[in-house]
Amino acid sequence: MSFNANIPAATDKPSQSQAQILANFGALNTVFAVDHLAFNAVDGGEHEKVTLNAPLGANPGAGGTKSSIYSKTSGATQELFFENSALVSQLTGLTTVAAANGYITLQGGIIIKWGTGTGSTAGVANIFPVAFPTNCWNVQIITRATKKVVGVTINSRTTFTAFTDGATNIYYIAIGN
């Protein structure tokens, strides 16, 4: 049964159109039952899941105060995106390398890298295993030896120089995009 927007008509008596009204409620219940808990259940009407249409080829362009969550093809994979008037952010399929020298890409394109390197009094240039695509904003280093950290210089999106009070291994965390 499909929903009939013309029921009841202004001239209908409820007793005469009751069957059609009940059919409309049945049609609405069928539609609302998709991805929702049943209305007569505890927490009835709440979402169980959200099913999205086929992936979009482009961002839909949320405007004003509206926001959208949608699926879109990214490369060869269907991914989930959030969009509002200020940004488009990919929510799934973000790159992570879980290793001693690794990184994670967060929503909005922020990248956090971690790893090991070396430092010395004269400074040692350390190369990130994978360059930051745009910027390296901050690098923090520590040592596990008796040597102290003197400083760090960000050279580019690919390297930083670690200064310590003698030759030693260092551990770093770097943030960029």
C-alpha atoms as a PDB file:
ATOM      1  CA  MET A   1       0.000   0.000   0.000  1.00  0.00           C
ATOM      2  CA  SER A   2       1.351   3.433  -0.846  1.00  0.00           C
ATOM      3  CA  PHE A   3       0.654   6.665   0.978  1.00  0.00           C
ATOM      4  CA  ASN A   4      -2.207   8.758  -0.427  1.00  0.00           C
ATOM      5  CA  ALA A   5      -1.734  12.464   0.371  1.00  0.00           C
ATOM      6  CA  ASN A   6      -5.353  13.211  -0.552  1.00  0.00           C
ATOM      7  CA  ILE A   7      -6.803  11.180   2.345  1.00  0.00           C
ATOM      8  CA  PRO A   8      -8.798  12.369   4.121  1.00  0.00           C
ATOM      9  CA  ALA A   9     -10.297  14.954   1.800  1.00  0.00           C
ATOM     10  CA  ALA A  10     -11.867  18.059   3.339  1.00  0.00           C
ATOM     11  CA  THR A  11     -15.325  16.768   2.571  1.00  0.00           C
ATOM     12  CA  ASP A  12     -14.697  13.219   3.922  1.00  0.00           C
ATOM     13  CA  LYS A  13     -16.384  12.037   7.081  1.00  0.00           C
ATOM     14  CA  PRO A  14     -13.860  10.169   9.278  1.00  0.00           C
ATOM     15  CA  SER A  15     -16.196   7.201   9.521  1.00  0.00           C
ATOM     16  CA  GLN A  16     -16.295   6.950   5.710  1.00  0.00           C
ATOM     17  CA  SER A  17     -12.532   7.304   5.151  1.00  0.00           C
ATOM     18  CA  GLN A  18     -11.346   5.349   8.202  1.00  0.00           C
ATOM     19  CA  ALA A  19     -10.045   2.434   6.108  1.00  0.00           C
ATOM     20  CA  GLN A  20      -8.058   4.813   3.887  1.00  0.00           C
ATOM     21  CA  ILE A  21      -6.678   6.701   6.925  1.00  0.00           C
ATOM     22  CA  LEU A  22      -5.611   3.400   8.491  1.00  0.00           C
ATOM     23  CA  ALA A  23      -3.990   2.416   5.185  1.00  0.00           C
ATOM     24  CA  ASN A  24      -2.040   5.714   5.192  1.00  0.00           C
ATOM     25  CA  PHE A  25      -0.843   5.089   8.755  1.00  0.00           C
ATOM     26  CA  GLY A  26       0.199   1.589   7.681  1.00  0.00           C
ATOM     27  CA  ALA A  27       2.144   3.028   4.736  1.00  0.00           C
ATOM     28  CA  LEU A  28       3.862   5.584   7.028  1.00  0.00           C
ATOM     29  CA  ASN A  29       4.729   2.863   9.539  1.00  0.00           C
ATOM     30  CA  THR A  30       6.252   0.764   6.741  1.00  0.00           C
ATOM     31  CA  VAL A  31       8.431   3.686   5.608  1.00  0.00           C
ATOM     32  CA  PHE A  32       9.469   4.637   9.151  1.00  0.00           C
ATOM     33  CA  ALA A  33      10.249   1.004  10.008  1.00  0.00           C
ATOM     34  CA  VAL A  34      13.196   1.079   7.575  1.00  0.00           C
ATOM     35  CA  ASP A  35      16.339   1.620   9.689  1.00  0.00           C
ATOM     36  CA  HIS A  36      14.268   2.551  12.789  1.00  0.00           C
ATOM     37  CA  LEU A  37      13.043   0.791  15.899  1.00  0.00           C
ATOM     38  CA  ALA A  38       9.309   0.107  15.758  1.00  0.00           C
ATOM     39  CA  PHE A  39       7.108   2.855  17.200  1.00  0.00           C
ATOM     40  CA  ASN A  40       5.675   0.529  19.845  1.00  0.00           C
ATOM     41  CA  ALA A  41       9.156  -0.608  20.987  1.00  0.00           C
ATOM     42  CA  VAL A  42      11.257   0.893  23.800  1.00  0.00           C
ATOM     43  CA  ASP A  43      12.983   3.954  22.245  1.00  0.00           C
ATOM     44  CA  GLY A  44      10.596   3.537  19.313  1.00  0.00           C
ATOM     45  CA  GLY A  45      11.278   5.650  16.253  1.00  0.00           C
ATOM     46  CA  GLU A  46      15.026   5.986  16.953  1.00  0.00           C
ATOM     47  CA  HIS A  47      17.482   5.058  14.238  1.00  0.00           C
ATOM     48  CA  GLU A  48      18.964   1.569  14.208  1.00  0.00           C
ATOM     49  CA  LYS A  49      21.175   2.558  11.288  1.00  0.00           C
ATOM     50  CA  VAL A  50      21.237   5.035   8.416  1.00  0.00           C
ATOM     51  CA  THR A  51      21.201   3.719   4.872  1.00  0.00           C
ATOM     52  CA  LEU A  52      22.562   6.098   2.246  1.00  0.00           C
ATOM     53  CA  ASN A  53      21.844   6.111  -1.460  1.00  0.00           C
ATOM     54  CA  ALA A  54      24.473   5.251  -4.046  1.00  0.00           C
ATOM     55  CA  PRO A  55      27.698   7.251  -3.605  1.00  0.00           C
ATOM     56  CA  LEU A  56      27.806  10.745  -5.054  1.00  0.00           C
ATOM     57  CA  GLY A  57      30.357  11.803  -7.636  1.00  0.00           C
ATOM     58  CA  ALA A  58      30.801  15.254  -6.057  1.00  0.00           C
ATOM     59  CA  ASN A  59      30.102  17.043  -2.785  1.00  0.00           C
ATOM     60  CA  PRO A  60      26.427  18.077  -2.556  1.00  0.00           C
ATOM     61  CA  GLY A  61      27.246  21.603  -1.350  1.00  0.00           C
ATOM     62  CA  ALA A  62      25.633  22.198   2.053  1.00  0.00           C
ATOM     63  CA  GLY A  63      24.668  25.826   2.437  1.00  0.00           C
ATOM     64  CA  GLY A  64      23.647  28.201   5.184  1.00  0.00           C
ATOM     65  CA  THR A  65      23.306  26.452   8.528  1.00  0.00           C
ATOM     66  CA  LYS A  66      22.695  22.984   7.079  1.00  0.00           C
ATOM     67  CA  SER A  67      25.073  20.033   7.312  1.00  0.00           C
ATOM     68  CA  SER A  68      25.200  16.783   5.341  1.00  0.00           C
ATOM     69  CA  ILE A  69      26.554  13.294   5.896  1.00  0.00           C
ATOM     70  CA  TYR A  70      26.803  11.380   2.637  1.00  0.00           C
ATOM     71  CA  SER A  71      28.688   8.651   0.834  1.00  0.00           C
ATOM     72  CA  LYS A  72      30.982   9.519  -2.044  1.00  0.00           C
ATOM     73  CA  THR A  73      33.411   7.560  -4.155  1.00  0.00           C
ATOM     74  CA  SER A  74      36.994   8.417  -3.215  1.00  0.00           C
ATOM     75  CA  GLY A  75      39.413   6.684  -5.554  1.00  0.00           C
ATOM     76  CA  ALA A  76      37.891   3.248  -6.052  1.00  0.00           C
ATOM     77  CA  THR A  77      36.272   3.090  -2.596  1.00  0.00           C
ATOM     78  CA  GLN A  78      32.985   4.356  -1.194  1.00  0.00           C
ATOM     79  CA  GLU A  79      33.701   6.597   1.829  1.00  0.00           C
ATOM     80  CA  LEU A  80      31.650   8.615   4.307  1.00  0.00           C
ATOM     81  CA  PHE A  81      31.885  12.449   4.325  1.00  0.00           C
ATOM     82  CA  PHE A  82      30.576  15.330   6.446  1.00  0.00           C
ATOM     83  CA  GLU A  83      29.941  18.752   4.927  1.00  0.00           C
ATOM     84  CA  ASN A  84      28.723  22.106   6.202  1.00  0.00           C
ATOM     85  CA  SER A  85      29.164  25.683   4.960  1.00  0.00           C
ATOM     86  CA  ALA A  86      32.707  25.813   6.390  1.00  0.00           C
ATOM     87  CA  LEU A  87      34.280  22.477   5.426  1.00  0.00           C
ATOM     88  CA  VAL A  88      34.128  19.069   3.797  1.00  0.00           C
ATOM     89  CA  SER A  89      35.664  16.329   5.933  1.00  0.00           C
ATOM     90  CA  GLN A  90      36.245  12.690   5.033  1.00  0.00           C
ATOM     91  CA  LEU A  91      35.172  10.484   7.961  1.00  0.00           C
ATOM     92  CA  THR A  92      36.271   7.022   6.808  1.00  0.00           C
ATOM     93  CA  GLY A  93      39.165   5.536   4.879  1.00  0.00           C
ATOM     94  CA  LEU A  94      41.745   7.791   6.544  1.00  0.00           C
ATOM     95  CA  THR A  95      45.342   6.680   6.303  1.00  0.00           C
ATOM     96  CA  THR A  96      47.028   5.067   9.299  1.00  0.00           C
ATOM     97  CA  VAL A  97      50.419   3.415   9.519  1.00  0.00           C
ATOM     98  CA  ALA A  98      50.647   1.672  12.895  1.00  0.00           C
ATOM     99  CA  ALA A  99      54.392   1.131  13.216  1.00  0.00           C
ATOM    100  CA  ALA A 100      57.375   2.348  15.236  1.00  0.00           C
ATOM    101  CA  ASN A 101      57.696   5.132  12.646  1.00  0.00           C
ATOM    102  CA  GLY A 102      54.087   5.770  11.737  1.00  0.00           C
ATOM    103  CA  TYR A 103      51.350   8.314  11.264  1.00  0.00           C
ATOM    104  CA  ILE A 104      47.615   8.867  11.266  1.00  0.00           C
ATOM    105  CA  THR A 105      45.538  11.250   9.183  1.00  0.00           C
ATOM    106  CA  LEU A 106      42.664  12.775  11.134  1.00  0.00           C
ATOM    107  CA  GLN A 107      39.427  14.292   9.836  1.00  0.00           C
ATOM    108  CA  GLY A 108      40.105  17.680   8.333  1.00  0.00           C
ATOM    109  CA  GLY A 109      43.521  16.607   7.048  1.00  0.00           C
ATOM    110  CA  ILE A 110      45.576  16.956  10.247  1.00  0.00           C
ATOM    111  CA  ILE A 111      48.443  14.433  10.307  1.00  0.00           C
ATOM    112  CA  ILE A 112      50.233  13.200  13.434  1.00  0.00           C
ATOM    113  CA  LYS A 113      53.555  11.406  12.893  1.00  0.00           C
ATOM    114  CA  TRP A 114      55.746   9.611  15.405  1.00  0.00           C
ATOM    115  CA  GLY A 115      59.058   7.856  15.235  1.00  0.00           C
ATOM    116  CA  THR A 116      62.694   7.656  16.187  1.00  0.00           C
ATOM    117  CA  GLY A 117      65.754   9.518  15.026  1.00  0.00           C
ATOM    118  CA  THR A 118      69.033  10.891  16.314  1.00  0.00           C
ATOM    119  CA  GLY A 119      70.264  14.122  17.831  1.00  0.00           C
ATOM    120  CA  SER A 120      73.640  15.670  18.624  1.00  0.00           C
ATOM    121  CA  THR A 121      75.236  18.883  19.823  1.00  0.00           C
ATOM    122  CA  ALA A 122      75.708  20.052  16.214  1.00  0.00           C
ATOM    123  CA  GLY A 123      72.207  18.860  15.282  1.00  0.00           C
ATOM    124  CA  VAL A 124      71.147  15.924  13.129  1.00  0.00           C
ATOM    125  CA  ALA A 125      68.723  16.257  10.230  1.00  0.00           C
ATOM    126  CA  ASN A 126      66.012  13.598  10.560  1.00  0.00           C
ATOM    127  CA  ILE A 127      63.869  12.691   7.555  1.00  0.00           C
ATOM    128  CA  PHE A 128      60.198  11.780   7.959  1.00  0.00           C
ATOM    129  CA  PRO A 129      59.521   8.394   6.287  1.00  0.00           C
ATOM    130  CA  VAL A 130      56.681  10.110   4.386  1.00  0.00           C
ATOM    131  CA  ALA A 131      56.662  13.880   3.835  1.00  0.00           C
ATOM    132  CA  PHE A 132      53.817  16.048   5.088  1.00  0.00           C
ATOM    133  CA  PRO A 133      51.779  16.984   1.988  1.00  0.00           C
ATOM    134  CA  THR A 134      51.555  20.708   2.851  1.00  0.00           C
ATOM    135  CA  ASN A 135      53.089  21.805   6.186  1.00  0.00           C
ATOM    136  CA  CYS A 136      54.920  20.562   9.245  1.00  0.00           C
ATOM    137  CA  TRP A 137      53.750  22.817  12.096  1.00  0.00           C
ATOM    138  CA  ASN A 138      55.340  21.335  15.194  1.00  0.00           C
ATOM    139  CA  VAL A 139      57.885  18.703  16.228  1.00  0.00           C
ATOM    140  CA  GLN A 140      58.446  17.609  19.833  1.00  0.00           C
ATOM    141  CA  ILE A 141      61.385  15.380  20.774  1.00  0.00           C
ATOM    142  CA  ILE A 142      62.469  13.467  23.867  1.00  0.00           C
ATOM    143  CA  THR A 143      65.399  11.206  24.732  1.00  0.00           C
ATOM    144  CA  ARG A 144      65.574   8.116  26.918  1.00  0.00           C
ATOM    145  CA  ALA A 145      69.251   8.567  27.625  1.00  0.00           C
ATOM    146  CA  THR A 146      70.976  10.902  30.062  1.00  0.00           C
ATOM    147  CA  LYS A 147      71.367  13.387  27.210  1.00  0.00           C
ATOM    148  CA  LYS A 148      69.093  16.413  27.304  1.00  0.00           C
ATOM    149  CA  VAL A 149      67.061  17.897  24.497  1.00  0.00           C
ATOM    150  CA  VAL A 150      68.416  21.316  23.549  1.00  0.00           C
ATOM    151  CA  GLY A 151      66.037  22.101  20.696  1.00  0.00           C
ATOM    152  CA  VAL A 152      64.478  21.204  17.389  1.00  0.00           C
ATOM    153  CA  THR A 153      64.260  23.069  14.099  1.00  0.00           C
ATOM    154  CA  ILE A 154      61.666  22.318  11.434  1.00  0.00           C
ATOM    155  CA  ASN A 155      63.514  22.467   8.133  1.00  0.00           C
ATOM    156  CA  SER A 156      60.696  21.615   5.747  1.00  0.00           C
ATOM    157  CA  ARG A 157      57.715  19.290   5.361  1.00  0.00           C
ATOM    158  CA  THR A 158      60.242  16.430   4.995  1.00  0.00           C
ATOM    159  CA  THR A 159      62.913  17.040   7.681  1.00  0.00           C
ATOM    160  CA  PHE A 160      63.647  18.438  11.122  1.00  0.00           C
ATOM    161  CA  THR A 161      66.942  18.892  12.985  1.00  0.00           C
ATOM    162  CA  ALA A 162      67.293  17.550  16.545  1.00  0.00           C
ATOM    163  CA  PHE A 163      69.753  19.199  18.927  1.00  0.00           C
ATOM    164  CA  THR A 164      70.778  17.362  22.098  1.00  0.00           C
ATOM    165  CA  ASP A 165      73.713  17.795  24.503  1.00  0.00           C
ATOM    166  CA  GLY A 166      75.496  14.838  22.887  1.00  0.00           C
ATOM    167  CA  ALA A 167      74.905  12.072  20.331  1.00  0.00           C
ATOM    168  CA  THR A 168      71.778  10.108  21.260  1.00  0.00           C
ATOM    169  CA  ASN A 169      68.621   8.498  19.955  1.00  0.00           C
ATOM    170  CA  ILE A 170      65.468  10.607  20.024  1.00  0.00           C
ATOM    171  CA  TYR A 171      61.730   9.992  19.818  1.00  0.00           C
ATOM    172  CA  TYR A 172      59.513  12.495  18.053  1.00  0.00           C
ATOM    173  CA  ILE A 173      55.903  13.479  17.524  1.00  0.00           C
ATOM    174  CA  ALA A 174      55.178  15.867  14.649  1.00  0.00           C
ATOM    175  CA  ILE A 175      51.955  17.589  13.613  1.00  0.00           C
ATOM    176  CA  GLY A 176      51.125  19.009  10.203  1.00  0.00           C
ATOM    177  CA  ASN A 177      48.883  18.670   7.199  1.00  0.00           C
END
